[in-house]
């Protein structure tokens, strides 16, 4: 079983049933994309450098197109240059992208941010068949300032490897001051998928 510190990364999965051996590719990709430096180091200790590198090269092929801070993080990971905690490159990258502090009333309306997220996701899926849903508190109209924007994708045909990672990257680099949680419904259990389909708002045409 994964360490409990990984639970927030897999909140849309049955964490207790997530086997790090049988679901190694999912665990490695998710942790490389969203994990802390300590969690990334755990990957190397558990799976070995070659296995992590194999998944990295498969899913993040063409990483030269990613933003410079992201490339630096992967370079550090594969060169064994473990940074001190206070200079964690992932933390610096996240801090750099924070929107300057301002009162909530001065920001753009939430509907504008939702429209921008929808545009980025649909643009990233252009040419591919998939359903896109807004779900969770934003879809129910019960969001707060701290709420994430929860988006689910249900591919109707196979998507290229790395496509969702690219969409996530575009969302991370956008000016939307909310965390966007993008979920692939083919990787979740049936009950969660049914809940999203029944209660979510269909964003795709």
C-alpha atoms as a PDB file:
ATOM      1  CA  UNK A   1       0.000   0.000   0.000  1.00  0.00           C
ATOM      2  CA  UNK A   2       1.131   3.556  -0.695  1.00  0.00           C
ATOM      3  CA  UNK A   3       2.258   5.791   2.189  1.00  0.00           C
ATOM      4  CA  UNK A   4      -0.626   7.770   3.647  1.00  0.00           C
ATOM      5  CA  UNK A   5       0.990  11.027   2.490  1.00  0.00           C
ATOM      6  CA  UNK A   6       0.021  10.043  -1.077  1.00  0.00           C
ATOM      7  CA  UNK A   7      -3.691   9.993  -0.251  1.00  0.00           C
ATOM      8  CA  UNK A   8      -4.404  13.587  -1.473  1.00  0.00           C
ATOM      9  CA  UNK A   9      -2.939  12.718  -4.885  1.00  0.00           C
ATOM     10  CA  UNK A  10      -5.438   9.884  -5.333  1.00  0.00           C
ATOM     11  CA  UNK A  11      -8.549  11.241  -3.683  1.00  0.00           C
ATOM     12  CA  UNK A  12     -10.733  10.101  -6.596  1.00  0.00           C
ATOM     13  CA  UNK A  13      -9.563   6.506  -6.229  1.00  0.00           C
ATOM     14  CA  UNK A  14     -10.120   3.863  -3.589  1.00  0.00           C
ATOM     15  CA  UNK A  15      -6.822   4.593  -1.902  1.00  0.00           C
ATOM     16  CA  UNK A  16      -6.781   1.492   0.302  1.00  0.00           C
ATOM     17  CA  UNK A  17      -7.138  -0.710  -2.797  1.00  0.00           C
ATOM     18  CA  UNK A  18      -4.520   1.114  -4.874  1.00  0.00           C
ATOM     19  CA  UNK A  19      -1.658  -1.360  -5.248  1.00  0.00           C
ATOM     20  CA  UNK A  20       1.633   0.434  -6.007  1.00  0.00           C
ATOM     21  CA  UNK A  21       2.845  -2.632  -7.911  1.00  0.00           C
ATOM     22  CA  UNK A  22      -0.109  -3.338 -10.201  1.00  0.00           C
ATOM     23  CA  UNK A  23      -0.841   0.390 -10.658  1.00  0.00           C
ATOM     24  CA  UNK A  24       2.788   1.452 -10.931  1.00  0.00           C
ATOM     25  CA  UNK A  25       2.367   3.535 -14.092  1.00  0.00           C
ATOM     26  CA  UNK A  26      -0.566   5.495 -12.645  1.00  0.00           C
ATOM     27  CA  UNK A  27       1.294   6.067  -9.365  1.00  0.00           C
ATOM     28  CA  UNK A  28       4.492   7.211 -11.077  1.00  0.00           C
ATOM     29  CA  UNK A  29       2.778   9.524 -13.580  1.00  0.00           C
ATOM     30  CA  UNK A  30       0.539  11.123 -10.982  1.00  0.00           C
ATOM     31  CA  UNK A  31       3.346  11.621  -8.489  1.00  0.00           C
ATOM     32  CA  UNK A  32       5.729  13.072 -11.075  1.00  0.00           C
ATOM     33  CA  UNK A  33       3.010  15.470 -12.166  1.00  0.00           C
ATOM     34  CA  UNK A  34       1.632  16.570  -8.805  1.00  0.00           C
ATOM     35  CA  UNK A  35       3.700  15.118  -5.970  1.00  0.00           C
ATOM     36  CA  UNK A  36       6.098  16.752  -3.546  1.00  0.00           C
ATOM     37  CA  UNK A  37       9.827  16.299  -3.786  1.00  0.00           C
ATOM     38  CA  UNK A  38       9.723  13.791  -0.917  1.00  0.00           C
ATOM     39  CA  UNK A  39       7.080  11.751  -2.764  1.00  0.00           C
ATOM     40  CA  UNK A  40       9.171  11.778  -5.936  1.00  0.00           C
ATOM     41  CA  UNK A  41      12.172  10.515  -3.962  1.00  0.00           C
ATOM     42  CA  UNK A  42       9.937   7.733  -2.607  1.00  0.00           C
ATOM     43  CA  UNK A  43       9.253   6.671  -6.214  1.00  0.00           C
ATOM     44  CA  UNK A  44      12.957   6.192  -6.854  1.00  0.00           C
ATOM     45  CA  UNK A  45      13.427   4.254  -3.625  1.00  0.00           C
ATOM     46  CA  UNK A  46      10.432   1.965  -4.256  1.00  0.00           C
ATOM     47  CA  UNK A  47      10.475   1.405  -8.030  1.00  0.00           C
ATOM     48  CA  UNK A  48      14.108   2.093  -8.872  1.00  0.00           C
ATOM     49  CA  UNK A  49      15.420   4.821 -11.113  1.00  0.00           C
ATOM     50  CA  UNK A  50      15.098   2.874 -14.365  1.00  0.00           C
ATOM     51  CA  UNK A  51      11.378   2.111 -13.903  1.00  0.00           C
ATOM     52  CA  UNK A  52      10.583   5.728 -13.044  1.00  0.00           C
ATOM     53  CA  UNK A  53      12.637   6.915 -15.999  1.00  0.00           C
ATOM     54  CA  UNK A  54      10.854   4.445 -18.304  1.00  0.00           C
ATOM     55  CA  UNK A  55       7.416   5.811 -17.367  1.00  0.00           C
ATOM     56  CA  UNK A  56       8.692   9.389 -17.483  1.00  0.00           C
ATOM     57  CA  UNK A  57      10.023   9.008 -21.026  1.00  0.00           C
ATOM     58  CA  UNK A  58       6.857   7.243 -22.160  1.00  0.00           C
ATOM     59  CA  UNK A  59       4.321   9.706 -20.752  1.00  0.00           C
ATOM     60  CA  UNK A  60       6.301  12.952 -20.864  1.00  0.00           C
ATOM     61  CA  UNK A  61       7.855  12.400 -24.284  1.00  0.00           C
ATOM     62  CA  UNK A  62       8.621  15.722 -25.877  1.00  0.00           C
ATOM     63  CA  UNK A  63       9.214  17.318 -22.484  1.00  0.00           C
ATOM     64  CA  UNK A  64      11.395  19.962 -24.140  1.00  0.00           C
ATOM     65  CA  UNK A  65       8.124  21.733 -24.923  1.00  0.00           C
ATOM     66  CA  UNK A  66       7.285  22.013 -21.218  1.00  0.00           C
ATOM     67  CA  UNK A  67       8.021  25.222 -19.282  1.00  0.00           C
ATOM     68  CA  UNK A  68      11.593  25.689 -18.091  1.00  0.00           C
ATOM     69  CA  UNK A  69      10.818  25.205 -14.350  1.00  0.00           C
ATOM     70  CA  UNK A  70       9.250  21.833 -15.128  1.00  0.00           C
ATOM     71  CA  UNK A  71      12.258  20.740 -17.157  1.00  0.00           C
ATOM     72  CA  UNK A  72      14.552  21.763 -14.307  1.00  0.00           C
ATOM     73  CA  UNK A  73      12.544  19.621 -11.889  1.00  0.00           C
ATOM     74  CA  UNK A  74      12.854  16.529 -14.075  1.00  0.00           C
ATOM     75  CA  UNK A  75      16.550  17.232 -14.672  1.00  0.00           C
ATOM     76  CA  UNK A  76      17.128  17.411 -10.931  1.00  0.00           C
ATOM     77  CA  UNK A  77      15.222  14.172 -10.461  1.00  0.00           C
ATOM     78  CA  UNK A  78      17.304  12.241 -12.963  1.00  0.00           C
ATOM     79  CA  UNK A  79      20.668  13.778 -12.133  1.00  0.00           C
ATOM     80  CA  UNK A  80      20.444  12.950  -8.413  1.00  0.00           C
ATOM     81  CA  UNK A  81      20.779  16.615  -7.521  1.00  0.00           C
ATOM     82  CA  UNK A  82      18.484  16.526  -4.497  1.00  0.00           C
ATOM     83  CA  UNK A  83      17.751  20.144  -3.568  1.00  0.00           C
ATOM     84  CA  UNK A  84      17.406  21.391   0.022  1.00  0.00           C
ATOM     85  CA  UNK A  85      13.795  21.573   1.177  1.00  0.00           C
ATOM     86  CA  UNK A  86      13.808  25.380   1.126  1.00  0.00           C
ATOM     87  CA  UNK A  87      14.868  25.410  -2.519  1.00  0.00           C
ATOM     88  CA  UNK A  88      12.490  22.711  -3.744  1.00  0.00           C
ATOM     89  CA  UNK A  89      12.094  23.549  -7.472  1.00  0.00           C
ATOM     90  CA  UNK A  90       8.482  22.399  -7.530  1.00  0.00           C
ATOM     91  CA  UNK A  91       7.634  24.692  -4.612  1.00  0.00           C
ATOM     92  CA  UNK A  92       9.398  27.616  -6.301  1.00  0.00           C
ATOM     93  CA  UNK A  93       7.514  26.917  -9.514  1.00  0.00           C
ATOM     94  CA  UNK A  94       4.165  26.861  -7.732  1.00  0.00           C
ATOM     95  CA  UNK A  95       4.945  30.053  -5.807  1.00  0.00           C
ATOM     96  CA  UNK A  96       5.987  31.825  -8.996  1.00  0.00           C
ATOM     97  CA  UNK A  97       2.599  31.176 -10.550  1.00  0.00           C
ATOM     98  CA  UNK A  98       0.507  32.441  -7.643  1.00  0.00           C
ATOM     99  CA  UNK A  99      -1.821  35.306  -8.472  1.00  0.00           C
ATOM    100  CA  UNK A 100      -0.986  38.479  -6.480  1.00  0.00           C
ATOM    101  CA  UNK A 101      -3.099  38.824  -3.345  1.00  0.00           C
ATOM    102  CA  UNK A 102      -6.250  40.846  -3.836  1.00  0.00           C
ATOM    103  CA  UNK A 103      -9.761  40.854  -2.479  1.00  0.00           C
ATOM    104  CA  UNK A 104     -12.163  38.321  -3.944  1.00  0.00           C
ATOM    105  CA  UNK A 105     -14.485  41.076  -5.138  1.00  0.00           C
ATOM    106  CA  UNK A 106     -11.706  42.545  -7.288  1.00  0.00           C
ATOM    107  CA  UNK A 107     -11.127  39.359  -9.218  1.00  0.00           C
ATOM    108  CA  UNK A 108     -12.848  38.369 -12.405  1.00  0.00           C
ATOM    109  CA  UNK A 109     -16.222  36.666 -11.945  1.00  0.00           C
ATOM    110  CA  UNK A 110     -15.977  32.922 -11.331  1.00  0.00           C
ATOM    111  CA  UNK A 111     -17.909  32.309 -14.544  1.00  0.00           C
ATOM    112  CA  UNK A 112     -15.015  33.860 -16.482  1.00  0.00           C
ATOM    113  CA  UNK A 113     -12.533  31.463 -14.894  1.00  0.00           C
ATOM    114  CA  UNK A 114     -14.790  28.481 -15.550  1.00  0.00           C
ATOM    115  CA  UNK A 115     -15.117  29.564 -19.178  1.00  0.00           C
ATOM    116  CA  UNK A 116     -11.329  29.781 -19.476  1.00  0.00           C
ATOM    117  CA  UNK A 117     -10.858  26.311 -17.971  1.00  0.00           C
ATOM    118  CA  UNK A 118     -13.493  24.916 -20.333  1.00  0.00           C
ATOM    119  CA  UNK A 119     -11.772  26.573 -23.305  1.00  0.00           C
ATOM    120  CA  UNK A 120      -8.349  25.190 -22.395  1.00  0.00           C
ATOM    121  CA  UNK A 121      -9.642  21.650 -21.872  1.00  0.00           C
ATOM    122  CA  UNK A 122     -11.717  21.547 -25.063  1.00  0.00           C
ATOM    123  CA  UNK A 123      -8.898  23.130 -27.040  1.00  0.00           C
ATOM    124  CA  UNK A 124      -6.516  20.471 -25.743  1.00  0.00           C
ATOM    125  CA  UNK A 125      -8.930  17.728 -26.820  1.00  0.00           C
ATOM    126  CA  UNK A 126      -9.577  19.206 -30.255  1.00  0.00           C
ATOM    127  CA  UNK A 127      -9.624  16.443 -32.862  1.00  0.00           C
ATOM    128  CA  UNK A 128     -10.365  13.722 -30.290  1.00  0.00           C
ATOM    129  CA  UNK A 129     -13.665  12.270 -29.131  1.00  0.00           C
ATOM    130  CA  UNK A 130     -14.342  12.757 -25.425  1.00  0.00           C
ATOM    131  CA  UNK A 131     -16.980  13.990 -23.013  1.00  0.00           C
ATOM    132  CA  UNK A 132     -15.985  16.709 -20.569  1.00  0.00           C
ATOM    133  CA  UNK A 133     -17.823  17.374 -17.303  1.00  0.00           C
ATOM    134  CA  UNK A 134     -17.639  20.033 -14.626  1.00  0.00           C
ATOM    135  CA  UNK A 135     -18.500  18.343 -11.331  1.00  0.00           C
ATOM    136  CA  UNK A 136     -18.221  18.890  -7.603  1.00  0.00           C
ATOM    137  CA  UNK A 137     -18.986  22.074  -5.679  1.00  0.00           C
ATOM    138  CA  UNK A 138     -18.502  24.370  -8.679  1.00  0.00           C
ATOM    139  CA  UNK A 139     -21.113  22.442 -10.678  1.00  0.00           C
ATOM    140  CA  UNK A 140     -23.510  22.427  -7.722  1.00  0.00           C
ATOM    141  CA  UNK A 141     -23.138  26.161  -7.152  1.00  0.00           C
ATOM    142  CA  UNK A 142     -21.794  25.529  -3.645  1.00  0.00           C
ATOM    143  CA  UNK A 143     -18.193  26.628  -4.142  1.00  0.00           C
ATOM    144  CA  UNK A 144     -16.149  28.753  -1.766  1.00  0.00           C
ATOM    145  CA  UNK A 145     -12.985  30.759  -2.320  1.00  0.00           C
ATOM    146  CA  UNK A 146     -10.959  27.663  -1.477  1.00  0.00           C
ATOM    147  CA  UNK A 147     -12.843  25.285  -3.805  1.00  0.00           C
ATOM    148  CA  UNK A 148     -11.048  23.501  -6.620  1.00  0.00           C
ATOM    149  CA  UNK A 149     -12.443  23.388 -10.132  1.00  0.00           C
ATOM    150  CA  UNK A 150     -13.160  19.692 -10.718  1.00  0.00           C
ATOM    151  CA  UNK A 151     -13.178  18.559 -14.346  1.00  0.00           C
ATOM    152  CA  UNK A 152     -13.645  15.004 -15.610  1.00  0.00           C
ATOM    153  CA  UNK A 153     -12.827  13.652 -19.061  1.00  0.00           C
ATOM    154  CA  UNK A 154     -14.402  10.507 -20.480  1.00  0.00           C
ATOM    155  CA  UNK A 155     -12.474   9.526 -23.640  1.00  0.00           C
ATOM    156  CA  UNK A 156     -14.699   7.928 -26.274  1.00  0.00           C
ATOM    157  CA  UNK A 157     -11.634   6.739 -28.162  1.00  0.00           C
ATOM    158  CA  UNK A 158      -7.996   6.257 -27.225  1.00  0.00           C
ATOM    159  CA  UNK A 159      -6.129   9.469 -26.480  1.00  0.00           C
ATOM    160  CA  UNK A 160      -2.419   9.906 -27.244  1.00  0.00           C
ATOM    161  CA  UNK A 161      -0.059   9.255 -24.358  1.00  0.00           C
ATOM    162  CA  UNK A 162       0.785  12.499 -22.631  1.00  0.00           C
ATOM    163  CA  UNK A 163      -2.201  14.474 -23.952  1.00  0.00           C
ATOM    164  CA  UNK A 164      -3.860  14.857 -20.551  1.00  0.00           C
ATOM    165  CA  UNK A 165      -0.508  15.783 -19.013  1.00  0.00           C
ATOM    166  CA  UNK A 166      -0.218  18.585 -21.580  1.00  0.00           C
ATOM    167  CA  UNK A 167      -3.730  19.830 -20.788  1.00  0.00           C
ATOM    168  CA  UNK A 168      -2.922  19.802 -17.072  1.00  0.00           C
ATOM    169  CA  UNK A 169       0.248  21.770 -17.783  1.00  0.00           C
ATOM    170  CA  UNK A 170      -1.684  24.380 -19.756  1.00  0.00           C
ATOM    171  CA  UNK A 171      -4.158  24.718 -16.898  1.00  0.00           C
ATOM    172  CA  UNK A 172      -1.333  25.084 -14.383  1.00  0.00           C
ATOM    173  CA  UNK A 173       0.276  27.815 -16.483  1.00  0.00           C
ATOM    174  CA  UNK A 174      -2.985  29.718 -17.019  1.00  0.00           C
ATOM    175  CA  UNK A 175      -4.051  32.793 -15.064  1.00  0.00           C
ATOM    176  CA  UNK A 176      -6.934  30.927 -13.416  1.00  0.00           C
ATOM    177  CA  UNK A 177      -6.321  31.374  -9.647  1.00  0.00           C
ATOM    178  CA  UNK A 178      -7.945  28.063  -8.722  1.00  0.00           C
ATOM    179  CA  UNK A 179      -6.493  24.580  -8.589  1.00  0.00           C
ATOM    180  CA  UNK A 180      -7.993  22.576 -11.447  1.00  0.00           C
ATOM    181  CA  UNK A 181      -8.357  18.865 -10.708  1.00  0.00           C
ATOM    182  CA  UNK A 182      -8.531  17.030 -14.052  1.00  0.00           C
ATOM    183  CA  UNK A 183      -9.665  13.401 -13.813  1.00  0.00           C
ATOM    184  CA  UNK A 184      -9.701  10.651 -16.448  1.00  0.00           C
ATOM    185  CA  UNK A 185     -12.931   8.731 -15.787  1.00  0.00           C
ATOM    186  CA  UNK A 186     -11.545   5.565 -17.358  1.00  0.00           C
ATOM    187  CA  UNK A 187      -9.122   5.411 -14.411  1.00  0.00           C
ATOM    188  CA  UNK A 188     -11.812   5.688 -11.710  1.00  0.00           C
ATOM    189  CA  UNK A 189     -14.314   3.216 -10.322  1.00  0.00           C
ATOM    190  CA  UNK A 190     -17.754   2.817 -11.898  1.00  0.00           C
ATOM    191  CA  UNK A 191     -19.670   4.465  -9.051  1.00  0.00           C
ATOM    192  CA  UNK A 192     -17.607   7.649  -9.269  1.00  0.00           C
ATOM    193  CA  UNK A 193     -18.032   7.786 -13.043  1.00  0.00           C
ATOM    194  CA  UNK A 194     -21.808   7.317 -12.716  1.00  0.00           C
ATOM    195  CA  UNK A 195     -21.985  10.086 -10.121  1.00  0.00           C
ATOM    196  CA  UNK A 196     -20.139  12.508 -12.404  1.00  0.00           C
ATOM    197  CA  UNK A 197     -22.303  11.634 -15.406  1.00  0.00           C
ATOM    198  CA  UNK A 198     -25.519  12.075 -13.415  1.00  0.00           C
ATOM    199  CA  UNK A 199     -24.654  15.147 -11.351  1.00  0.00           C
ATOM    200  CA  UNK A 200     -22.008  16.920 -13.407  1.00  0.00           C
ATOM    201  CA  UNK A 201     -22.469  19.586 -16.065  1.00  0.00           C
ATOM    202  CA  UNK A 202     -21.598  18.417 -19.577  1.00  0.00           C
ATOM    203  CA  UNK A 203     -19.084  20.858 -21.044  1.00  0.00           C
ATOM    204  CA  UNK A 204     -18.370  19.175 -24.365  1.00  0.00           C
ATOM    205  CA  UNK A 205     -20.416  19.902 -27.448  1.00  0.00           C
END
